[in-house]
Amino acid sequence: MRHRSAIREVSLDLVTIVVLFLLLVPILWVFVASVRPETDITGGGLLPTRFTFDHYAAILAKKPFLIALKNSLIVGIVVAIVTTALAMPAAYALSRFTFGGRNFFALLILGTQMLPSLAVLVPLVVIIRQIGLTNTLTALIFTHLALGMPIAVWMLKGYIDAIPKELEEAALIDGCSRLGALWRIVVPLIRPAIIAVGTFAFVLSWGEYLMALALISKSDVKTLPLALQGLFDPYSFSWGQVMAGGTIIAMPAILLFLIFRRQLVGGLLAGGVKG
């Protein structure tokens, strides 16, 4: 039995290594290609012969790319803050309050997450055009909120479900209001989940391409994915600049994970626990 268990563990470890290799090789290749000369990339060799940061200098010297970087930061930060601020009271209400249709609303929120973004693309574009928000960052903020809010509510709800209600009841007996109990008792306990939700919302907004492509056409309000698409110019195409742009887009998500890895893992795991 011990021999079979050891073989099973080794097999699982090998499968994990293979999966990680398949996932990480393209990412590593993009980063390595971004610091290789253009002739070195097109030469077909896997190992670099020289390193250069000229691609980063060239792409950061492009004014449209810098404008897109600023736009992505604005949209991502606003979406992260607003998503967290709205999802927290919604998750608390679904977890703690008893009212008619609570389960229906919970399933409705979860059902919206099951819809692919392509299914709601046309209605969202029509609505945005009718209210005159086409080619604005406000339109992107609203659409990204609609995409990320359901999963944010469910993540926070699962975490709040695991918190004993007796802690809030004790605070209410001591004279604390319901809002005060939420702020003083629940919020400190769900801080890892809040960080996880905010990070998830930022990353989702930062790399979103389909909605931005449908809603944005003016260069002064384009985001990074659209700016990266603009680098595919048939007359002045550079693989190195494309790879450098892809690395810049991927870097915030990597940095956020490295900084908040403990909170992210704890928040995601706790979000799946139901008390």
C-alpha atoms as a PDB file:
ATOM      1  CA  MET A   1       0.000   0.000   0.000  1.00  0.00           C
ATOM      2  CA  ARG A   2       2.824   2.372   0.829  1.00  0.00           C
ATOM      3  CA  HIS A   3       4.487   1.554  -2.492  1.00  0.00           C
ATOM      4  CA  ARG A   4       1.272   2.336  -4.398  1.00  0.00           C
ATOM      5  CA  SER A   5       0.829   5.560  -2.450  1.00  0.00           C
ATOM      6  CA  ALA A   6       4.377   6.646  -3.259  1.00  0.00           C
ATOM      7  CA  ILE A   7       3.874   5.886  -6.958  1.00  0.00           C
ATOM      8  CA  ARG A   8       0.622   7.870  -6.933  1.00  0.00           C
ATOM      9  CA  GLU A   9       2.292  10.881  -5.311  1.00  0.00           C
ATOM     10  CA  VAL A  10       5.194  10.788  -7.769  1.00  0.00           C
ATOM     11  CA  SER A  11       2.760  10.522 -10.686  1.00  0.00           C
ATOM     12  CA  LEU A  12       0.784  13.530  -9.434  1.00  0.00           C
ATOM     13  CA  ASP A  13       3.990  15.505  -8.977  1.00  0.00           C
ATOM     14  CA  LEU A  14       5.069  14.691 -12.532  1.00  0.00           C
ATOM     15  CA  VAL A  15       1.688  15.728 -13.932  1.00  0.00           C
ATOM     16  CA  THR A  16       1.877  18.975 -11.968  1.00  0.00           C
ATOM     17  CA  ILE A  17       5.369  19.694 -13.294  1.00  0.00           C
ATOM     18  CA  VAL A  18       4.276  19.019 -16.873  1.00  0.00           C
ATOM     19  CA  VAL A  19       1.229  21.303 -16.537  1.00  0.00           C
ATOM     20  CA  LEU A  20       3.309  24.089 -14.986  1.00  0.00           C
ATOM     21  CA  PHE A  21       5.872  23.703 -17.761  1.00  0.00           C
ATOM     22  CA  LEU A  22       3.210  24.006 -20.456  1.00  0.00           C
ATOM     23  CA  LEU A  23       1.739  27.079 -18.750  1.00  0.00           C
ATOM     24  CA  LEU A  24       4.992  28.862 -17.955  1.00  0.00           C
ATOM     25  CA  VAL A  25       6.980  28.249 -21.145  1.00  0.00           C
ATOM     26  CA  PRO A  26       4.941  30.693 -23.313  1.00  0.00           C
ATOM     27  CA  ILE A  27       5.095  33.344 -20.562  1.00  0.00           C
ATOM     28  CA  LEU A  28       8.841  32.933 -20.130  1.00  0.00           C
ATOM     29  CA  TRP A  29       9.337  32.989 -23.897  1.00  0.00           C
ATOM     30  CA  VAL A  30       7.459  36.307 -24.154  1.00  0.00           C
ATOM     31  CA  PHE A  31       9.650  37.843 -21.444  1.00  0.00           C
ATOM     32  CA  VAL A  32      12.900  36.523 -22.943  1.00  0.00           C
ATOM     33  CA  ALA A  33      11.864  37.648 -26.432  1.00  0.00           C
ATOM     34  CA  SER A  34      11.172  41.152 -25.126  1.00  0.00           C
ATOM     35  CA  VAL A  35      14.866  41.573 -24.226  1.00  0.00           C
ATOM     36  CA  ARG A  36      16.287  39.970 -27.389  1.00  0.00           C
ATOM     37  CA  PRO A  37      17.312  41.929 -30.503  1.00  0.00           C
ATOM     38  CA  GLU A  38      14.903  41.753 -33.416  1.00  0.00           C
ATOM     39  CA  THR A  39      17.273  39.697 -35.548  1.00  0.00           C
ATOM     40  CA  ASP A  40      17.768  37.276 -32.660  1.00  0.00           C
ATOM     41  CA  ILE A  41      13.998  36.726 -32.349  1.00  0.00           C
ATOM     42  CA  THR A  42      13.409  36.134 -36.060  1.00  0.00           C
ATOM     43  CA  GLY A  43      16.495  33.945 -36.313  1.00  0.00           C
ATOM     44  CA  GLY A  44      14.560  31.010 -34.884  1.00  0.00           C
ATOM     45  CA  GLY A  45      16.899  30.135 -32.030  1.00  0.00           C
ATOM     46  CA  LEU A  46      15.407  29.305 -28.642  1.00  0.00           C
ATOM     47  CA  LEU A  47      18.318  30.608 -26.572  1.00  0.00           C
ATOM     48  CA  PRO A  48      19.159  34.328 -26.719  1.00  0.00           C
ATOM     49  CA  THR A  49      22.613  35.422 -27.826  1.00  0.00           C
ATOM     50  CA  ARG A  50      22.340  39.055 -26.680  1.00  0.00           C
ATOM     51  CA  PHE A  51      20.082  41.070 -24.387  1.00  0.00           C
ATOM     52  CA  THR A  52      18.725  44.553 -24.953  1.00  0.00           C
ATOM     53  CA  PHE A  53      16.079  46.851 -23.497  1.00  0.00           C
ATOM     54  CA  ASP A  54      15.629  48.837 -26.683  1.00  0.00           C
ATOM     55  CA  HIS A  55      12.156  47.368 -27.229  1.00  0.00           C
ATOM     56  CA  TYR A  56      10.950  48.721 -23.886  1.00  0.00           C
ATOM     57  CA  ALA A  57      12.480  52.119 -24.606  1.00  0.00           C
ATOM     58  CA  ALA A  58      10.827  52.206 -28.018  1.00  0.00           C
ATOM     59  CA  ILE A  59       7.384  51.232 -26.805  1.00  0.00           C
ATOM     60  CA  LEU A  60       7.459  53.580 -23.798  1.00  0.00           C
ATOM     61  CA  ALA A  61       8.428  56.397 -26.153  1.00  0.00           C
ATOM     62  CA  LYS A  62       5.137  55.966 -28.017  1.00  0.00           C
ATOM     63  CA  LYS A  63       2.647  58.528 -26.731  1.00  0.00           C
ATOM     64  CA  PRO A  64      -0.477  56.412 -27.567  1.00  0.00           C
ATOM     65  CA  PHE A  65       0.926  53.558 -25.480  1.00  0.00           C
ATOM     66  CA  LEU A  66       1.526  55.844 -22.493  1.00  0.00           C
ATOM     67  CA  ILE A  67      -2.005  57.234 -22.815  1.00  0.00           C
ATOM     68  CA  ALA A  68      -3.354  53.682 -22.910  1.00  0.00           C
ATOM     69  CA  LEU A  69      -1.299  52.817 -19.817  1.00  0.00           C
ATOM     70  CA  LYS A  70      -2.824  55.751 -17.944  1.00  0.00           C
ATOM     71  CA  ASN A  71      -6.336  54.803 -19.079  1.00  0.00           C
ATOM     72  CA  SER A  72      -5.889  51.190 -17.986  1.00  0.00           C
ATOM     73  CA  LEU A  73      -4.640  52.300 -14.576  1.00  0.00           C
ATOM     74  CA  ILE A  74      -7.606  54.619 -14.108  1.00  0.00           C
ATOM     75  CA  VAL A  75     -10.179  52.033 -15.154  1.00  0.00           C
ATOM     76  CA  GLY A  76      -8.529  49.200 -13.221  1.00  0.00           C
ATOM     77  CA  ILE A  77      -8.180  51.120  -9.954  1.00  0.00           C
ATOM     78  CA  VAL A  78     -11.717  52.536 -10.095  1.00  0.00           C
ATOM     79  CA  VAL A  79     -13.184  49.113 -10.922  1.00  0.00           C
ATOM     80  CA  ALA A  80     -11.252  47.462  -8.079  1.00  0.00           C
ATOM     81  CA  ILE A  81     -12.396  50.040  -5.504  1.00  0.00           C
ATOM     82  CA  VAL A  82     -16.020  50.210  -6.620  1.00  0.00           C
ATOM     83  CA  THR A  83     -16.346  46.436  -7.011  1.00  0.00           C
ATOM     84  CA  THR A  84     -15.086  45.866  -3.468  1.00  0.00           C
ATOM     85  CA  ALA A  85     -17.226  48.668  -2.016  1.00  0.00           C
ATOM     86  CA  LEU A  86     -20.431  47.381  -3.657  1.00  0.00           C
ATOM     87  CA  ALA A  87     -19.797  43.648  -3.331  1.00  0.00           C
ATOM     88  CA  MET A  88     -19.120  43.781   0.407  1.00  0.00           C
ATOM     89  CA  PRO A  89     -22.566  45.031   1.572  1.00  0.00           C
ATOM     90  CA  ALA A  90     -24.293  42.859  -1.050  1.00  0.00           C
ATOM     91  CA  ALA A  91     -22.462  39.762   0.168  1.00  0.00           C
ATOM     92  CA  TYR A  92     -23.210  40.690   3.795  1.00  0.00           C
ATOM     93  CA  ALA A  93     -26.917  41.040   3.039  1.00  0.00           C
ATOM     94  CA  LEU A  94     -27.068  37.672   1.287  1.00  0.00           C
ATOM     95  CA  SER A  95     -25.183  36.034   4.136  1.00  0.00           C
ATOM     96  CA  ARG A  96     -26.843  37.581   7.174  1.00  0.00           C
ATOM     97  CA  PHE A  97     -30.288  38.927   6.303  1.00  0.00           C
ATOM     98  CA  THR A  98     -33.401  36.836   5.826  1.00  0.00           C
ATOM     99  CA  PHE A  99     -35.846  38.208   3.276  1.00  0.00           C
ATOM    100  CA  GLY A 100     -38.166  36.900   0.627  1.00  0.00           C
ATOM    101  CA  GLY A 101     -36.427  35.832  -2.530  1.00  0.00           C
ATOM    102  CA  ARG A 102     -32.935  35.808  -1.024  1.00  0.00           C
ATOM    103  CA  ASN A 103     -32.048  32.453  -2.556  1.00  0.00           C
ATOM    104  CA  PHE A 104     -33.479  33.581  -5.887  1.00  0.00           C
ATOM    105  CA  PHE A 105     -31.326  36.711  -5.901  1.00  0.00           C
ATOM    106  CA  ALA A 106     -28.274  34.660  -4.924  1.00  0.00           C
ATOM    107  CA  LEU A 107     -28.862  32.200  -7.763  1.00  0.00           C
ATOM    108  CA  LEU A 108     -29.543  35.065 -10.159  1.00  0.00           C
ATOM    109  CA  ILE A 109     -26.191  36.654  -9.303  1.00  0.00           C
ATOM    110  CA  LEU A 110     -24.454  33.325  -9.762  1.00  0.00           C
ATOM    111  CA  GLY A 111     -26.316  32.715 -13.025  1.00  0.00           C
ATOM    112  CA  THR A 112     -25.044  35.976 -14.513  1.00  0.00           C
ATOM    113  CA  GLN A 113     -21.502  34.771 -13.910  1.00  0.00           C
ATOM    114  CA  MET A 114     -22.197  31.652 -15.955  1.00  0.00           C
ATOM    115  CA  LEU A 115     -23.028  33.724 -19.036  1.00  0.00           C
ATOM    116  CA  PRO A 116     -20.053  34.273 -21.353  1.00  0.00           C
ATOM    117  CA  SER A 117     -19.143  37.903 -21.958  1.00  0.00           C
ATOM    118  CA  LEU A 118     -19.825  37.407 -25.676  1.00  0.00           C
ATOM    119  CA  ALA A 119     -23.494  36.651 -24.891  1.00  0.00           C
ATOM    120  CA  VAL A 120     -24.019  40.089 -23.295  1.00  0.00           C
ATOM    121  CA  LEU A 121     -21.743  41.996 -25.663  1.00  0.00           C
ATOM    122  CA  VAL A 122     -24.432  43.186 -28.091  1.00  0.00           C
ATOM    123  CA  PRO A 123     -26.961  44.309 -25.425  1.00  0.00           C
ATOM    124  CA  LEU A 124     -24.263  46.167 -23.509  1.00  0.00           C
ATOM    125  CA  VAL A 125     -23.005  47.911 -26.636  1.00  0.00           C
ATOM    126  CA  VAL A 126     -26.556  48.955 -27.570  1.00  0.00           C
ATOM    127  CA  ILE A 127     -27.250  50.296 -24.065  1.00  0.00           C
ATOM    128  CA  ILE A 128     -23.942  52.186 -23.919  1.00  0.00           C
ATOM    129  CA  ARG A 129     -24.637  53.795 -27.292  1.00  0.00           C
ATOM    130  CA  GLN A 130     -28.179  54.770 -26.368  1.00  0.00           C
ATOM    131  CA  ILE A 131     -27.040  56.602 -23.229  1.00  0.00           C
ATOM    132  CA  GLY A 132     -24.193  58.297 -25.120  1.00  0.00           C
ATOM    133  CA  LEU A 133     -21.215  56.791 -23.303  1.00  0.00           C
ATOM    134  CA  THR A 134     -19.427  55.303 -26.324  1.00  0.00           C
ATOM    135  CA  ASN A 135     -15.687  56.062 -26.426  1.00  0.00           C
ATOM    136  CA  THR A 136     -15.522  56.929 -22.727  1.00  0.00           C
ATOM    137  CA  LEU A 137     -13.717  55.374 -19.800  1.00  0.00           C
ATOM    138  CA  THR A 138     -17.014  55.487 -17.904  1.00  0.00           C
ATOM    139  CA  ALA A 139     -18.464  52.920 -20.304  1.00  0.00           C
ATOM    140  CA  LEU A 140     -15.540  50.581 -19.675  1.00  0.00           C
ATOM    141  CA  ILE A 141     -15.858  51.020 -15.914  1.00  0.00           C
ATOM    142  CA  PHE A 142     -19.565  50.121 -15.954  1.00  0.00           C
ATOM    143  CA  THR A 143     -19.076  47.090 -18.199  1.00  0.00           C
ATOM    144  CA  HIS A 144     -16.131  45.789 -16.172  1.00  0.00           C
ATOM    145  CA  LEU A 145     -18.173  46.207 -12.995  1.00  0.00           C
ATOM    146  CA  ALA A 146     -20.950  44.154 -14.543  1.00  0.00           C
ATOM    147  CA  LEU A 147     -18.487  41.412 -15.481  1.00  0.00           C
ATOM    148  CA  GLY A 148     -16.682  41.184 -12.146  1.00  0.00           C
ATOM    149  CA  MET A 149     -19.404  41.914  -9.594  1.00  0.00           C
ATOM    150  CA  PRO A 150     -21.077  38.453  -9.468  1.00  0.00           C
ATOM    151  CA  ILE A 151     -17.929  36.502  -8.640  1.00  0.00           C
ATOM    152  CA  ALA A 152     -16.869  39.221  -6.180  1.00  0.00           C
ATOM    153  CA  VAL A 153     -20.163  38.919  -4.288  1.00  0.00           C
ATOM    154  CA  TRP A 154     -19.911  35.143  -4.125  1.00  0.00           C
ATOM    155  CA  MET A 155     -16.312  35.176  -2.958  1.00  0.00           C
ATOM    156  CA  LEU A 156     -17.115  37.576  -0.114  1.00  0.00           C
ATOM    157  CA  LYS A 157     -20.337  35.762   0.768  1.00  0.00           C
ATOM    158  CA  GLY A 158     -18.485  32.483   1.235  1.00  0.00           C
ATOM    159  CA  TYR A 159     -16.018  34.171   3.561  1.00  0.00           C
ATOM    160  CA  ILE A 160     -18.725  35.936   5.596  1.00  0.00           C
ATOM    161  CA  ASP A 161     -20.647  32.658   5.942  1.00  0.00           C
ATOM    162  CA  ALA A 162     -17.636  31.208   7.773  1.00  0.00           C
ATOM    163  CA  ILE A 163     -17.632  34.008  10.389  1.00  0.00           C
ATOM    164  CA  PRO A 164     -19.679  33.148  13.535  1.00  0.00           C
ATOM    165  CA  LYS A 165     -22.760  35.310  13.881  1.00  0.00           C
ATOM    166  CA  GLU A 166     -22.200  35.456  17.635  1.00  0.00           C
ATOM    167  CA  LEU A 167     -19.387  37.977  17.140  1.00  0.00           C
ATOM    168  CA  GLU A 168     -21.763  40.472  15.532  1.00  0.00           C
ATOM    169  CA  GLU A 169     -24.527  39.719  18.029  1.00  0.00           C
ATOM    170  CA  ALA A 170     -22.151  40.541  20.872  1.00  0.00           C
ATOM    171  CA  ALA A 171     -21.294  43.847  19.200  1.00  0.00           C
ATOM    172  CA  LEU A 172     -24.999  44.649  18.725  1.00  0.00           C
ATOM    173  CA  ILE A 173     -25.681  43.926  22.405  1.00  0.00           C
ATOM    174  CA  ASP A 174     -22.888  46.330  23.355  1.00  0.00           C
ATOM    175  CA  GLY A 175     -24.689  49.083  21.461  1.00  0.00           C
ATOM    176  CA  CYS A 176     -23.040  48.850  18.055  1.00  0.00           C
ATOM    177  CA  SER A 177     -25.218  49.386  14.994  1.00  0.00           C
ATOM    178  CA  ARG A 178     -25.506  46.862  12.194  1.00  0.00           C
ATOM    179  CA  LEU A 179     -23.291  49.039   9.989  1.00  0.00           C
ATOM    180  CA  GLY A 180     -20.829  49.449  12.836  1.00  0.00           C
ATOM    181  CA  ALA A 181     -20.694  45.685  13.359  1.00  0.00           C
ATOM    182  CA  LEU A 182     -20.008  45.238   9.684  1.00  0.00           C
ATOM    183  CA  TRP A 183     -17.199  47.777   9.721  1.00  0.00           C
ATOM    184  CA  ARG A 184     -15.610  46.882  13.067  1.00  0.00           C
ATOM    185  CA  ILE A 185     -16.131  43.109  13.188  1.00  0.00           C
ATOM    186  CA  VAL A 186     -16.662  41.684   9.715  1.00  0.00           C
ATOM    187  CA  VAL A 187     -14.382  43.856   7.592  1.00  0.00           C
ATOM    188  CA  PRO A 188     -11.183  43.176   9.608  1.00  0.00           C
ATOM    189  CA  LEU A 189     -11.908  39.438   9.514  1.00  0.00           C
ATOM    190  CA  ILE A 190     -12.493  39.333   5.765  1.00  0.00           C
ATOM    191  CA  ARG A 191      -9.496  41.489   4.850  1.00  0.00           C
ATOM    192  CA  PRO A 192      -7.800  38.671   2.867  1.00  0.00           C
ATOM    193  CA  ALA A 193     -10.992  38.179   0.862  1.00  0.00           C
ATOM    194  CA  ILE A 194     -11.290  41.929   0.250  1.00  0.00           C
ATOM    195  CA  ILE A 195      -7.729  42.015  -1.088  1.00  0.00           C
ATOM    196  CA  ALA A 196      -8.446  38.964  -3.245  1.00  0.00           C
ATOM    197  CA  VAL A 197     -11.611  40.538  -4.668  1.00  0.00           C
ATOM    198  CA  GLY A 198      -9.937  43.883  -5.338  1.00  0.00           C
ATOM    199  CA  THR A 199      -6.968  42.218  -7.024  1.00  0.00           C
ATOM    200  CA  PHE A 200      -9.225  39.982  -9.094  1.00  0.00           C
ATOM    201  CA  ALA A 201     -11.330  42.953 -10.228  1.00  0.00           C
ATOM    202  CA  PHE A 202      -8.229  44.978 -11.152  1.00  0.00           C
ATOM    203  CA  VAL A 203      -6.638  42.148 -13.143  1.00  0.00           C
ATOM    204  CA  LEU A 204      -9.929  41.389 -14.911  1.00  0.00           C
ATOM    205  CA  SER A 205     -10.316  45.028 -15.936  1.00  0.00           C
ATOM    206  CA  TRP A 206      -6.634  45.495 -16.761  1.00  0.00           C
ATOM    207  CA  GLY A 207      -6.509  42.722 -19.351  1.00  0.00           C
ATOM    208  CA  GLU A 208     -10.071  42.921 -20.720  1.00  0.00           C
ATOM    209  CA  TYR A 209     -10.074  43.179 -24.507  1.00  0.00           C
ATOM    210  CA  LEU A 210     -13.438  42.222 -26.016  1.00  0.00           C
ATOM    211  CA  MET A 211     -15.598  44.925 -24.394  1.00  0.00           C
ATOM    212  CA  ALA A 212     -12.928  47.560 -24.936  1.00  0.00           C
ATOM    213  CA  LEU A 213     -12.728  46.638 -28.618  1.00  0.00           C
ATOM    214  CA  ALA A 214     -16.506  46.974 -28.993  1.00  0.00           C
ATOM    215  CA  LEU A 215     -16.850  50.251 -27.064  1.00  0.00           C
ATOM    216  CA  ILE A 216     -13.648  52.165 -27.807  1.00  0.00           C
ATOM    217  CA  SER A 217     -12.400  53.472 -31.135  1.00  0.00           C
ATOM    218  CA  LYS A 218     -10.726  56.787 -30.239  1.00  0.00           C
ATOM    219  CA  SER A 219      -7.014  56.618 -29.516  1.00  0.00           C
ATOM    220  CA  ASP A 220      -7.168  58.933 -26.482  1.00  0.00           C
ATOM    221  CA  VAL A 221      -9.379  56.513 -24.520  1.00  0.00           C
ATOM    222  CA  LYS A 222      -7.883  53.196 -25.605  1.00  0.00           C
ATOM    223  CA  THR A 223      -6.595  50.766 -22.984  1.00  0.00           C
ATOM    224  CA  LEU A 224      -3.431  48.665 -23.063  1.00  0.00           C
ATOM    225  CA  PRO A 225      -4.890  45.604 -24.849  1.00  0.00           C
ATOM    226  CA  LEU A 226      -6.103  47.863 -27.659  1.00  0.00           C
ATOM    227  CA  ALA A 227      -2.777  49.690 -27.756  1.00  0.00           C
ATOM    228  CA  LEU A 228      -1.001  46.339 -28.014  1.00  0.00           C
ATOM    229  CA  GLN A 229      -3.237  45.430 -30.935  1.00  0.00           C
ATOM    230  CA  GLY A 230      -2.138  48.643 -32.633  1.00  0.00           C
ATOM    231  CA  LEU A 231       1.463  47.412 -32.590  1.00  0.00           C
ATOM    232  CA  PHE A 232       0.583  44.808 -35.231  1.00  0.00           C
ATOM    233  CA  ASP A 233       1.333  47.249 -38.035  1.00  0.00           C
ATOM    234  CA  PRO A 234       2.109  45.483 -41.348  1.00  0.00           C
ATOM    235  CA  TYR A 235       4.467  48.327 -42.343  1.00  0.00           C
ATOM    236  CA  SER A 236       6.455  48.732 -39.116  1.00  0.00           C
ATOM    237  CA  PHE A 237       5.920  45.488 -37.225  1.00  0.00           C
ATOM    238  CA  SER A 238       8.342  44.546 -34.443  1.00  0.00           C
ATOM    239  CA  TRP A 239       8.133  41.277 -32.555  1.00  0.00           C
ATOM    240  CA  GLY A 240      10.309  42.703 -29.806  1.00  0.00           C
ATOM    241  CA  GLN A 241       7.975  45.649 -29.152  1.00  0.00           C
ATOM    242  CA  VAL A 242       4.940  43.365 -29.152  1.00  0.00           C
ATOM    243  CA  MET A 243       6.607  41.088 -26.596  1.00  0.00           C
ATOM    244  CA  ALA A 244       7.661  44.098 -24.514  1.00  0.00           C
ATOM    245  CA  GLY A 245       4.072  45.374 -24.565  1.00  0.00           C
ATOM    246  CA  GLY A 246       2.780  41.958 -23.525  1.00  0.00           C
ATOM    247  CA  THR A 247       5.263  41.861 -20.657  1.00  0.00           C
ATOM    248  CA  ILE A 248       4.175  45.307 -19.469  1.00  0.00           C
ATOM    249  CA  ILE A 249       0.543  44.189 -19.506  1.00  0.00           C
ATOM    250  CA  ALA A 250       1.351  41.018 -17.565  1.00  0.00           C
ATOM    251  CA  MET A 251       3.626  42.686 -15.005  1.00  0.00           C
ATOM    252  CA  PRO A 252       0.949  44.254 -12.707  1.00  0.00           C
ATOM    253  CA  ALA A 253      -0.836  40.922 -12.277  1.00  0.00           C
ATOM    254  CA  ILE A 254       2.453  39.209 -11.434  1.00  0.00           C
ATOM    255  CA  LEU A 255       3.476  41.942  -8.983  1.00  0.00           C
ATOM    256  CA  LEU A 256       0.086  41.940  -7.271  1.00  0.00           C
ATOM    257  CA  PHE A 257       0.250  38.184  -6.824  1.00  0.00           C
ATOM    258  CA  LEU A 258       3.769  38.356  -5.392  1.00  0.00           C
ATOM    259  CA  ILE A 259       2.818  41.146  -2.983  1.00  0.00           C
ATOM    260  CA  PHE A 260      -0.524  39.730  -1.843  1.00  0.00           C
ATOM    261  CA  ARG A 261       0.033  36.002  -2.450  1.00  0.00           C
ATOM    262  CA  ARG A 262      -0.849  35.007   1.124  1.00  0.00           C
ATOM    263  CA  GLN A 263      -4.012  37.105   1.181  1.00  0.00           C
ATOM    264  CA  LEU A 264      -4.990  35.931  -2.301  1.00  0.00           C
ATOM    265  CA  VAL A 265      -4.619  32.239  -1.514  1.00  0.00           C
ATOM    266  CA  GLY A 266      -6.367  32.636   1.835  1.00  0.00           C
ATOM    267  CA  GLY A 267      -9.162  34.732   0.373  1.00  0.00           C
ATOM    268  CA  LEU A 268      -9.822  32.410  -2.563  1.00  0.00           C
ATOM    269  CA  LEU A 269      -9.823  29.306  -0.372  1.00  0.00           C
ATOM    270  CA  ALA A 270     -12.007  30.882   2.284  1.00  0.00           C
ATOM    271  CA  GLY A 271     -14.392  32.140  -0.367  1.00  0.00           C
ATOM    272  CA  GLY A 272     -15.212  28.541  -1.189  1.00  0.00           C
ATOM    273  CA  VAL A 273     -16.003  27.604   2.425  1.00  0.00           C
ATOM    274  CA  LYS A 274     -19.619  27.700   3.435  1.00  0.00           C
ATOM    275  CA  GLY A 275     -20.519  27.691   7.118  1.00  0.00           C
END
